[in-house]
PDB file of N, CA and C in Angstrom:
ATOM      1  N   MET A   1      37.723  31.982   0.326  1.00  0.00           N
ATOM      2  CA  MET A   1      36.488  32.486  -0.136  1.00  0.00           C
ATOM      3  C   MET A   1      35.403  31.375   0.056  1.00  0.00           C
ATOM      4  N   TYR A   2      34.374  31.624   0.683  1.00  0.00           N
ATOM      5  CA  TYR A   2      33.307  30.649   0.952  1.00  0.00           C
ATOM      6  C   TYR A   2      31.994  31.160   0.357  1.00  0.00           C
ATOM      7  N   ILE A   3      31.187  30.196  -0.026  1.00  0.00           N
ATOM      8  CA  ILE A   3      29.808  30.424  -0.405  1.00  0.00           C
ATOM      9  C   ILE A   3      28.940  29.440   0.407  1.00  0.00           C
ATOM     10  N   VAL A   4      27.992  29.900   1.127  1.00  0.00           N
ATOM     11  CA  VAL A   4      27.169  28.986   1.941  1.00  0.00           C
ATOM     12  C   VAL A   4      25.839  28.805   1.222  1.00  0.00           C
ATOM     13  N   LEU A   5      25.465  27.538   1.002  1.00  0.00           N
ATOM     14  CA  LEU A   5      24.256  27.178   0.295  1.00  0.00           C
ATOM     15  C   LEU A   5      23.356  26.363   1.168  1.00  0.00           C
ATOM     16  N   GLN A   6      22.029  26.449   0.879  1.00  0.00           N
ATOM     17  CA  GLN A   6      21.076  25.614   1.542  1.00  0.00           C
ATOM     18  C   GLN A   6      20.313  24.871   0.456  1.00  0.00           C
ATOM     19  N   GLN A   7      20.310  23.536   0.509  1.00  0.00           N
ATOM     20  CA  GLN A   7      19.603  22.730  -0.471  1.00  0.00           C
ATOM     21  C   GLN A   7      18.071  22.906  -0.344  1.00  0.00           C
ATOM     22  N   THR A   8      17.447  23.256  -1.432  1.00  0.00           N
ATOM     23  CA  THR A   8      15.960  23.403  -1.313  1.00  0.00           C
ATOM     24  C   THR A   8      15.230  22.295  -2.127  1.00  0.00           C
ATOM     25  N   ASP A   9      15.917  21.694  -2.998  1.00  0.00           N
ATOM     26  CA  ASP A   9      15.395  20.578  -3.817  1.00  0.00           C
ATOM     27  C   ASP A   9      16.527  19.695  -4.259  1.00  0.00           C
ATOM     28  N   GLN A  10      16.283  18.645  -4.898  1.00  0.00           N
ATOM     29  CA  GLN A  10      17.319  17.699  -5.252  1.00  0.00           C
ATOM     30  C   GLN A  10      18.496  18.385  -5.936  1.00  0.00           C
ATOM     31  N   TYR A  11      18.215  19.246  -6.932  1.00  0.00           N
ATOM     32  CA  TYR A  11      19.322  19.912  -7.714  1.00  0.00           C
ATOM     33  C   TYR A  11      19.233  21.467  -7.537  1.00  0.00           C
ATOM     34  N   GLN A  12      18.571  21.953  -6.509  1.00  0.00           N
ATOM     35  CA  GLN A  12      18.475  23.417  -6.346  1.00  0.00           C
ATOM     36  C   GLN A  12      18.979  23.808  -4.972  1.00  0.00           C
ATOM     37  N   TYR A  13      19.668  24.962  -4.952  1.00  0.00           N
ATOM     38  CA  TYR A  13      20.226  25.465  -3.720  1.00  0.00           C
ATOM     39  C   TYR A  13      19.926  26.961  -3.613  1.00  0.00           C
ATOM     40  N   GLU A  14      19.852  27.448  -2.422  1.00  0.00           N
ATOM     41  CA  GLU A  14      19.656  28.809  -2.146  1.00  0.00           C
ATOM     42  C   GLU A  14      20.932  29.389  -1.564  1.00  0.00           C
ATOM     43  N   VAL A  15      21.344  30.521  -1.976  1.00  0.00           N
ATOM     44  CA  VAL A  15      22.573  31.164  -1.475  1.00  0.00           C
ATOM     45  C   VAL A  15      22.263  31.820  -0.151  1.00  0.00           C
ATOM     46  N   ILE A  16      22.899  31.352   0.878  1.00  0.00           N
ATOM     47  CA  ILE A  16      22.731  31.948   2.271  1.00  0.00           C
ATOM     48  C   ILE A  16      23.780  33.077   2.405  1.00  0.00           C
ATOM     49  N   ASP A  17      24.954  32.852   2.010  1.00  0.00           N
ATOM     50  CA  ASP A  17      26.051  33.837   2.114  1.00  0.00           C
ATOM     51  C   ASP A  17      26.964  33.664   0.947  1.00  0.00           C
ATOM     52  N   GLY A  18      27.316  34.751   0.321  1.00  0.00           N
ATOM     53  CA  GLY A  18      28.249  34.683  -0.807  1.00  0.00           C
ATOM     54  C   GLY A  18      27.628  35.190  -2.169  1.00  0.00           C
ATOM     55  N   GLN A  19      26.446  35.885  -2.064  1.00  0.00           N
ATOM     56  CA  GLN A  19      25.824  36.309  -3.319  1.00  0.00           C
ATOM     57  C   GLN A  19      26.718  37.269  -4.069  1.00  0.00           C
ATOM     58  N   GLN A  20      27.352  38.199  -3.338  1.00  0.00           N
ATOM     59  CA  GLN A  20      28.243  39.155  -4.017  1.00  0.00           C
ATOM     60  C   GLN A  20      29.405  38.491  -4.651  1.00  0.00           C
ATOM     61  N   ARG A  21      29.930  37.403  -4.060  1.00  0.00           N
ATOM     62  CA  ARG A  21      31.047  36.647  -4.677  1.00  0.00           C
ATOM     63  C   ARG A  21      30.606  36.000  -5.954  1.00  0.00           C
ATOM     64  N   LEU A  22      29.387  35.454  -5.929  1.00  0.00           N
ATOM     65  CA  LEU A  22      28.829  34.833  -7.165  1.00  0.00           C
ATOM     66  C   LEU A  22      28.642  35.836  -8.277  1.00  0.00           C
ATOM     67  N   VAL A  23      28.197  36.989  -7.972  1.00  0.00           N
ATOM     68  CA  VAL A  23      28.052  38.090  -8.902  1.00  0.00           C
ATOM     69  C   VAL A  23      29.335  38.453  -9.488  1.00  0.00           C
ATOM     70  N   THR A  24      30.395  38.597  -8.675  1.00  0.00           N
ATOM     71  CA  THR A  24      31.740  38.925  -9.154  1.00  0.00           C
ATOM     72  C   THR A  24      32.258  37.870 -10.054  1.00  0.00           C
ATOM     73  N   LEU A  25      32.104  36.566  -9.722  1.00  0.00           N
ATOM     74  CA  LEU A  25      32.616  35.508 -10.568  1.00  0.00           C
ATOM     75  C   LEU A  25      31.814  35.502 -11.885  1.00  0.00           C
ATOM     76  N   SER A  26      30.509  35.802 -11.846  1.00  0.00           N
ATOM     77  CA  SER A  26      29.723  35.846 -13.076  1.00  0.00           C
ATOM     78  C   SER A  26      30.215  36.968 -14.032  1.00  0.00           C
ATOM     79  N   ILE A  27      30.586  38.068 -13.435  1.00  0.00           N
ATOM     80  CA  ILE A  27      31.097  39.208 -14.255  1.00  0.00           C
ATOM     81  C   ILE A  27      32.423  38.823 -14.890  1.00  0.00           C
ATOM     82  N   ILE A  28      33.286  38.081 -14.167  1.00  0.00           N
ATOM     83  CA  ILE A  28      34.548  37.654 -14.747  1.00  0.00           C
ATOM     84  C   ILE A  28      34.283  36.635 -15.914  1.00  0.00           C
ATOM     85  N   VAL A  29      33.381  35.725 -15.705  1.00  0.00           N
ATOM     86  CA  VAL A  29      33.066  34.738 -16.800  1.00  0.00           C
ATOM     87  C   VAL A  29      32.479  35.485 -17.981  1.00  0.00           C
ATOM     88  N   LEU A  30      31.622  36.438 -17.798  1.00  0.00           N
ATOM     89  CA  LEU A  30      31.046  37.186 -18.910  1.00  0.00           C
ATOM     90  C   LEU A  30      32.131  38.003 -19.661  1.00  0.00           C
ATOM     91  N   ALA A  31      33.076  38.528 -18.903  1.00  0.00           N
ATOM     92  CA  ALA A  31      34.210  39.252 -19.559  1.00  0.00           C
ATOM     93  C   ALA A  31      35.030  38.324 -20.398  1.00  0.00           C
ATOM     94  N   ALA A  32      35.299  37.121 -19.836  1.00  0.00           N
ATOM     95  CA  ALA A  32      36.067  36.140 -20.647  1.00  0.00           C
ATOM     96  C   ALA A  32      35.292  35.732 -21.867  1.00  0.00           C
ATOM     97  N   MET A  33      34.030  35.550 -21.776  1.00  0.00           N
ATOM     98  CA  MET A  33      33.215  35.244 -22.960  1.00  0.00           C
ATOM     99  C   MET A  33      33.202  36.306 -23.962  1.00  0.00           C
ATOM    100  N   LYS A  34      33.156  37.615 -23.559  1.00  0.00           N
ATOM    101  CA  LYS A  34      33.287  38.718 -24.471  1.00  0.00           C
ATOM    102  C   LYS A  34      34.605  38.731 -25.184  1.00  0.00           C
ATOM    103  N   ALA A  35      35.677  38.462 -24.428  1.00  0.00           N
ATOM    104  CA  ALA A  35      37.017  38.484 -25.020  1.00  0.00           C
ATOM    105  C   ALA A  35      37.119  37.371 -26.073  1.00  0.00           C
ATOM    106  N   ILE A  36      36.608  36.196 -25.785  1.00  0.00           N
ATOM    107  CA  ILE A  36      36.646  35.048 -26.703  1.00  0.00           C
ATOM    108  C   ILE A  36      35.790  35.397 -27.913  1.00  0.00           C
ATOM    109  N   LYS A  37      34.646  36.005 -27.716  1.00  0.00           N
ATOM    110  CA  LYS A  37      33.756  36.403 -28.839  1.00  0.00           C
ATOM    111  C   LYS A  37      34.493  37.374 -29.751  1.00  0.00           C
ATOM    112  N   ASN A  38      35.284  38.315 -29.167  1.00  0.00           N
ATOM    113  CA  ASN A  38      36.038  39.265 -29.967  1.00  0.00           C
ATOM    114  C   ASN A  38      37.090  38.564 -30.787  1.00  0.00           C
ATOM    115  N   LEU A  39      37.719  37.543 -30.242  1.00  0.00           N
ATOM    116  CA  LEU A  39      38.715  36.789 -30.983  1.00  0.00           C
ATOM    117  C   LEU A  39      38.084  36.072 -32.192  1.00  0.00           C
ATOM    118  N   ILE A  40      36.856  35.512 -31.937  1.00  0.00           N
ATOM    119  CA  ILE A  40      36.092  34.829 -32.989  1.00  0.00           C
ATOM    120  C   ILE A  40      35.770  35.802 -34.059  1.00  0.00           C
ATOM    121  N   ASP A  41      35.329  36.983 -33.726  1.00  0.00           N
ATOM    122  CA  ASP A  41      34.930  38.051 -34.705  1.00  0.00           C
ATOM    123  C   ASP A  41      36.116  38.487 -35.537  1.00  0.00           C
ATOM    124  N   ARG A  42      37.329  38.427 -34.906  1.00  0.00           N
ATOM    125  CA  ARG A  42      38.533  38.821 -35.656  1.00  0.00           C
ATOM    126  C   ARG A  42      39.070  37.677 -36.485  1.00  0.00           C
ATOM    127  N   GLY A  43      38.492  36.507 -36.370  1.00  0.00           N
ATOM    128  CA  GLY A  43      38.953  35.332 -37.166  1.00  0.00           C
ATOM    129  C   GLY A  43      40.068  34.548 -36.538  1.00  0.00           C
ATOM    130  N   GLU A  44      40.312  34.751 -35.248  1.00  0.00           N
ATOM    131  CA  GLU A  44      41.445  34.103 -34.592  1.00  0.00           C
ATOM    132  C   GLU A  44      40.957  32.733 -33.997  1.00  0.00           C
ATOM    133  N   GLU A  45      41.592  31.627 -34.430  1.00  0.00           N
ATOM    134  CA  GLU A  45      41.325  30.301 -33.895  1.00  0.00           C
ATOM    135  C   GLU A  45      39.814  30.136 -33.730  1.00  0.00           C
ATOM    136  N   VAL A  46      39.084  30.342 -34.857  1.00  0.00           N
ATOM    137  CA  VAL A  46      37.669  30.396 -34.724  1.00  0.00           C
ATOM    138  C   VAL A  46      37.025  29.079 -34.206  1.00  0.00           C
ATOM    139  N   ASP A  47      37.479  27.947 -34.731  1.00  0.00           N
ATOM    140  CA  ASP A  47      36.867  26.663 -34.215  1.00  0.00           C
ATOM    141  C   ASP A  47      37.155  26.448 -32.706  1.00  0.00           C
ATOM    142  N   GLU A  48      38.436  26.640 -32.327  1.00  0.00           N
ATOM    143  CA  GLU A  48      38.813  26.450 -30.983  1.00  0.00           C
ATOM    144  C   GLU A  48      38.111  27.436 -30.025  1.00  0.00           C
ATOM    145  N   ASN A  49      38.027  28.721 -30.421  1.00  0.00           N
ATOM    146  CA  ASN A  49      37.390  29.722 -29.591  1.00  0.00           C
ATOM    147  C   ASN A  49      35.837  29.558 -29.517  1.00  0.00           C
ATOM    148  N   ASN A  50      35.287  29.059 -30.625  1.00  0.00           N
ATOM    149  CA  ASN A  50      33.828  28.694 -30.540  1.00  0.00           C
ATOM    150  C   ASN A  50      33.601  27.590 -29.514  1.00  0.00           C
ATOM    151  N   GLU A  51      34.536  26.631 -29.432  1.00  0.00           N
ATOM    152  CA  GLU A  51      34.410  25.529 -28.495  1.00  0.00           C
ATOM    153  C   GLU A  51      34.598  26.042 -27.066  1.00  0.00           C
ATOM    154  N   ARG A  52      35.553  26.963 -26.872  1.00  0.00           N
ATOM    155  CA  ARG A  52      35.758  27.548 -25.558  1.00  0.00           C
ATOM    156  C   ARG A  52      34.501  28.342 -25.120  1.00  0.00           C
ATOM    157  N   TYR A  53      33.971  29.095 -25.990  1.00  0.00           N
ATOM    158  CA  TYR A  53      32.773  29.891 -25.747  1.00  0.00           C
ATOM    159  C   TYR A  53      31.611  29.000 -25.329  1.00  0.00           C
ATOM    160  N   ALA A  54      31.438  27.912 -26.097  1.00  0.00           N
ATOM    161  CA  ALA A  54      30.338  26.959 -25.795  1.00  0.00           C
ATOM    162  C   ALA A  54      30.527  26.327 -24.417  1.00  0.00           C
ATOM    163  N   GLU A  55      31.800  25.977 -24.080  1.00  0.00           N
ATOM    164  CA  GLU A  55      32.070  25.325 -22.774  1.00  0.00           C
ATOM    165  C   GLU A  55      31.761  26.301 -21.679  1.00  0.00           C
ATOM    166  N   LEU A  56      32.147  27.543 -21.813  1.00  0.00           N
ATOM    167  CA  LEU A  56      31.846  28.539 -20.785  1.00  0.00           C
ATOM    168  C   LEU A  56      30.326  28.690 -20.561  1.00  0.00           C
ATOM    169  N   ILE A  57      29.601  28.700 -21.596  1.00  0.00           N
ATOM    170  CA  ILE A  57      28.140  28.738 -21.512  1.00  0.00           C
ATOM    171  C   ILE A  57      27.644  27.536 -20.798  1.00  0.00           C
ATOM    172  N   LYS A  58      28.075  26.351 -21.190  1.00  0.00           N
ATOM    173  CA  LYS A  58      27.587  25.114 -20.571  1.00  0.00           C
ATOM    174  C   LYS A  58      27.919  24.999 -19.072  1.00  0.00           C
ATOM    175  N   TYR A  59      29.114  25.365 -18.679  1.00  0.00           N
ATOM    176  CA  TYR A  59      29.519  25.173 -17.328  1.00  0.00           C
ATOM    177  C   TYR A  59      29.180  26.303 -16.364  1.00  0.00           C
ATOM    178  N   PHE A  60      29.158  27.550 -16.905  1.00  0.00           N
ATOM    179  CA  PHE A  60      28.938  28.677 -15.967  1.00  0.00           C
ATOM    180  C   PHE A  60      27.639  29.406 -16.222  1.00  0.00           C
ATOM    181  N   VAL A  61      27.052  29.385 -17.387  1.00  0.00           N
ATOM    182  CA  VAL A  61      25.811  30.119 -17.636  1.00  0.00           C
ATOM    183  C   VAL A  61      24.604  29.219 -17.501  1.00  0.00           C
ATOM    184  N   GLY A  62      24.608  28.118 -18.245  1.00  0.00           N
ATOM    185  CA  GLY A  62      23.527  27.200 -18.189  1.00  0.00           C
ATOM    186  C   GLY A  62      23.557  26.211 -19.325  1.00  0.00           C
ATOM    187  N   GLY A  63      22.654  25.272 -19.311  1.00  0.00           N
ATOM    188  CA  GLY A  63      22.582  24.323 -20.411  1.00  0.00           C
ATOM    189  C   GLY A  63      21.374  24.629 -21.300  1.00  0.00           C
ATOM    190  N   LYS A  64      21.255  23.955 -22.397  1.00  0.00           N
ATOM    191  CA  LYS A  64      20.211  24.166 -23.299  1.00  0.00           C
ATOM    192  C   LYS A  64      18.989  23.254 -23.010  1.00  0.00           C
ATOM    193  N   ASN A  65      17.828  23.824 -23.057  1.00  0.00           N
ATOM    194  CA  ASN A  65      16.596  23.089 -22.967  1.00  0.00           C
ATOM    195  C   ASN A  65      16.491  22.195 -24.170  1.00  0.00           C
ATOM    196  N   LEU A  66      16.220  20.961 -24.006  1.00  0.00           N
ATOM    197  CA  LEU A  66      16.205  20.035 -25.190  1.00  0.00           C
ATOM    198  C   LEU A  66      14.987  20.298 -26.111  1.00  0.00           C
ATOM    199  N   VAL A  67      13.971  20.937 -25.610  1.00  0.00           N
ATOM    200  CA  VAL A  67      12.763  21.207 -26.464  1.00  0.00           C
ATOM    201  C   VAL A  67      12.939  22.510 -27.185  1.00  0.00           C
ATOM    202  N   SER A  68      13.237  23.578 -26.407  1.00  0.00           N
ATOM    203  CA  SER A  68      13.313  24.919 -27.014  1.00  0.00           C
ATOM    204  C   SER A  68      14.735  25.237 -27.621  1.00  0.00           C
ATOM    205  N   LEU A  69      15.729  24.542 -27.185  1.00  0.00           N
ATOM    206  CA  LEU A  69      17.125  24.789 -27.522  1.00  0.00           C
ATOM    207  C   LEU A  69      17.588  26.207 -27.095  1.00  0.00           C
ATOM    208  N   ARG A  70      16.915  26.695 -26.068  1.00  0.00           N
ATOM    209  CA  ARG A  70      17.317  27.997 -25.487  1.00  0.00           C
ATOM    210  C   ARG A  70      18.152  27.678 -24.196  1.00  0.00           C
ATOM    211  N   VAL A  71      19.106  28.526 -23.889  1.00  0.00           N
ATOM    212  CA  VAL A  71      19.963  28.321 -22.701  1.00  0.00           C
ATOM    213  C   VAL A  71      19.138  28.617 -21.464  1.00  0.00           C
ATOM    214  N   VAL A  72      19.145  27.657 -20.544  1.00  0.00           N
ATOM    215  CA  VAL A  72      18.458  27.787 -19.266  1.00  0.00           C
ATOM    216  C   VAL A  72      19.505  28.182 -18.249  1.00  0.00           C
ATOM    217  N   SER A  73      19.274  29.279 -17.562  1.00  0.00           N
ATOM    218  CA  SER A  73      20.235  29.872 -16.625  1.00  0.00           C
ATOM    219  C   SER A  73      20.419  28.927 -15.398  1.00  0.00           C
ATOM    220  N   LYS A  74      21.618  28.891 -14.868  1.00  0.00           N
ATOM    221  CA  LYS A  74      21.900  28.116 -13.650  1.00  0.00           C
ATOM    222  C   LYS A  74      21.629  28.964 -12.426  1.00  0.00           C
ATOM    223  N   LEU A  75      21.610  30.274 -12.560  1.00  0.00           N
ATOM    224  CA  LEU A  75      21.413  31.164 -11.343  1.00  0.00           C
ATOM    225  C   LEU A  75      20.068  31.940 -11.587  1.00  0.00           C
ATOM    226  N   TYR A  76      19.330  31.973 -10.511  1.00  0.00           N
ATOM    227  CA  TYR A  76      18.031  32.757 -10.526  1.00  0.00           C
ATOM    228  C   TYR A  76      17.960  33.621  -9.248  1.00  0.00           C
ATOM    229  N   LEU A  77      17.398  34.767  -9.370  1.00  0.00           N
ATOM    230  CA  LEU A  77      17.045  35.593  -8.226  1.00  0.00           C
ATOM    231  C   LEU A  77      15.789  35.072  -7.615  1.00  0.00           C
ATOM    232  N   ASN A  78      15.762  34.995  -6.296  1.00  0.00           N
ATOM    233  CA  ASN A  78      14.514  34.494  -5.660  1.00  0.00           C
ATOM    234  C   ASN A  78      13.713  35.708  -5.137  1.00  0.00           C
ATOM    235  N   ARG A  79      12.562  35.498  -4.646  1.00  0.00           N
ATOM    236  CA  ARG A  79      11.709  36.606  -4.178  1.00  0.00           C
ATOM    237  C   ARG A  79      12.282  37.381  -3.015  1.00  0.00           C
ATOM    238  N   ASN A  80      13.215  36.761  -2.255  1.00  0.00           N
ATOM    239  CA  ASN A  80      13.780  37.443  -1.090  1.00  0.00           C
ATOM    240  C   ASN A  80      15.083  38.200  -1.413  1.00  0.00           C
ATOM    241  N   THR A  81      15.462  38.149  -2.685  1.00  0.00           N
ATOM    242  CA  THR A  81      16.666  38.897  -3.105  1.00  0.00           C
ATOM    243  C   THR A  81      16.418  40.341  -3.169  1.00  0.00           C
ATOM    244  N   SER A  82      17.327  41.067  -2.527  1.00  0.00           N
ATOM    245  CA  SER A  82      17.188  42.519  -2.605  1.00  0.00           C
ATOM    246  C   SER A  82      18.556  43.148  -2.858  1.00  0.00           C
ATOM    247  N   TRP A  83      18.590  44.213  -3.584  1.00  0.00           N
ATOM    248  CA  TRP A  83      19.833  44.885  -3.938  1.00  0.00           C
ATOM    249  C   TRP A  83      19.856  46.222  -3.283  1.00  0.00           C
ATOM    250  N   TYR A  84      20.926  46.559  -2.630  1.00  0.00           N
ATOM    251  CA  TYR A  84      21.058  47.872  -1.991  1.00  0.00           C
ATOM    252  C   TYR A  84      21.885  48.775  -2.739  1.00  0.00           C
TER     253      TYR A  84
END
């Protein structure tokens, strides 16, 4: 499985090929996050699962803005993105 990227800035890349693969991987990560959240809600290994949940957010969803403390997404749609 390949994803082709083109660097547009020092830390920014544009997806040339593989957008559907990234969407699929994102769905898998979101499903894992939901499963972990369900475990937390049931009281199972709450501390450990909170840590797992936070790590998934940090590595796959985005990091927190130090000023607003809101999660900043790692993936953005650009103006050329179209869905069929």
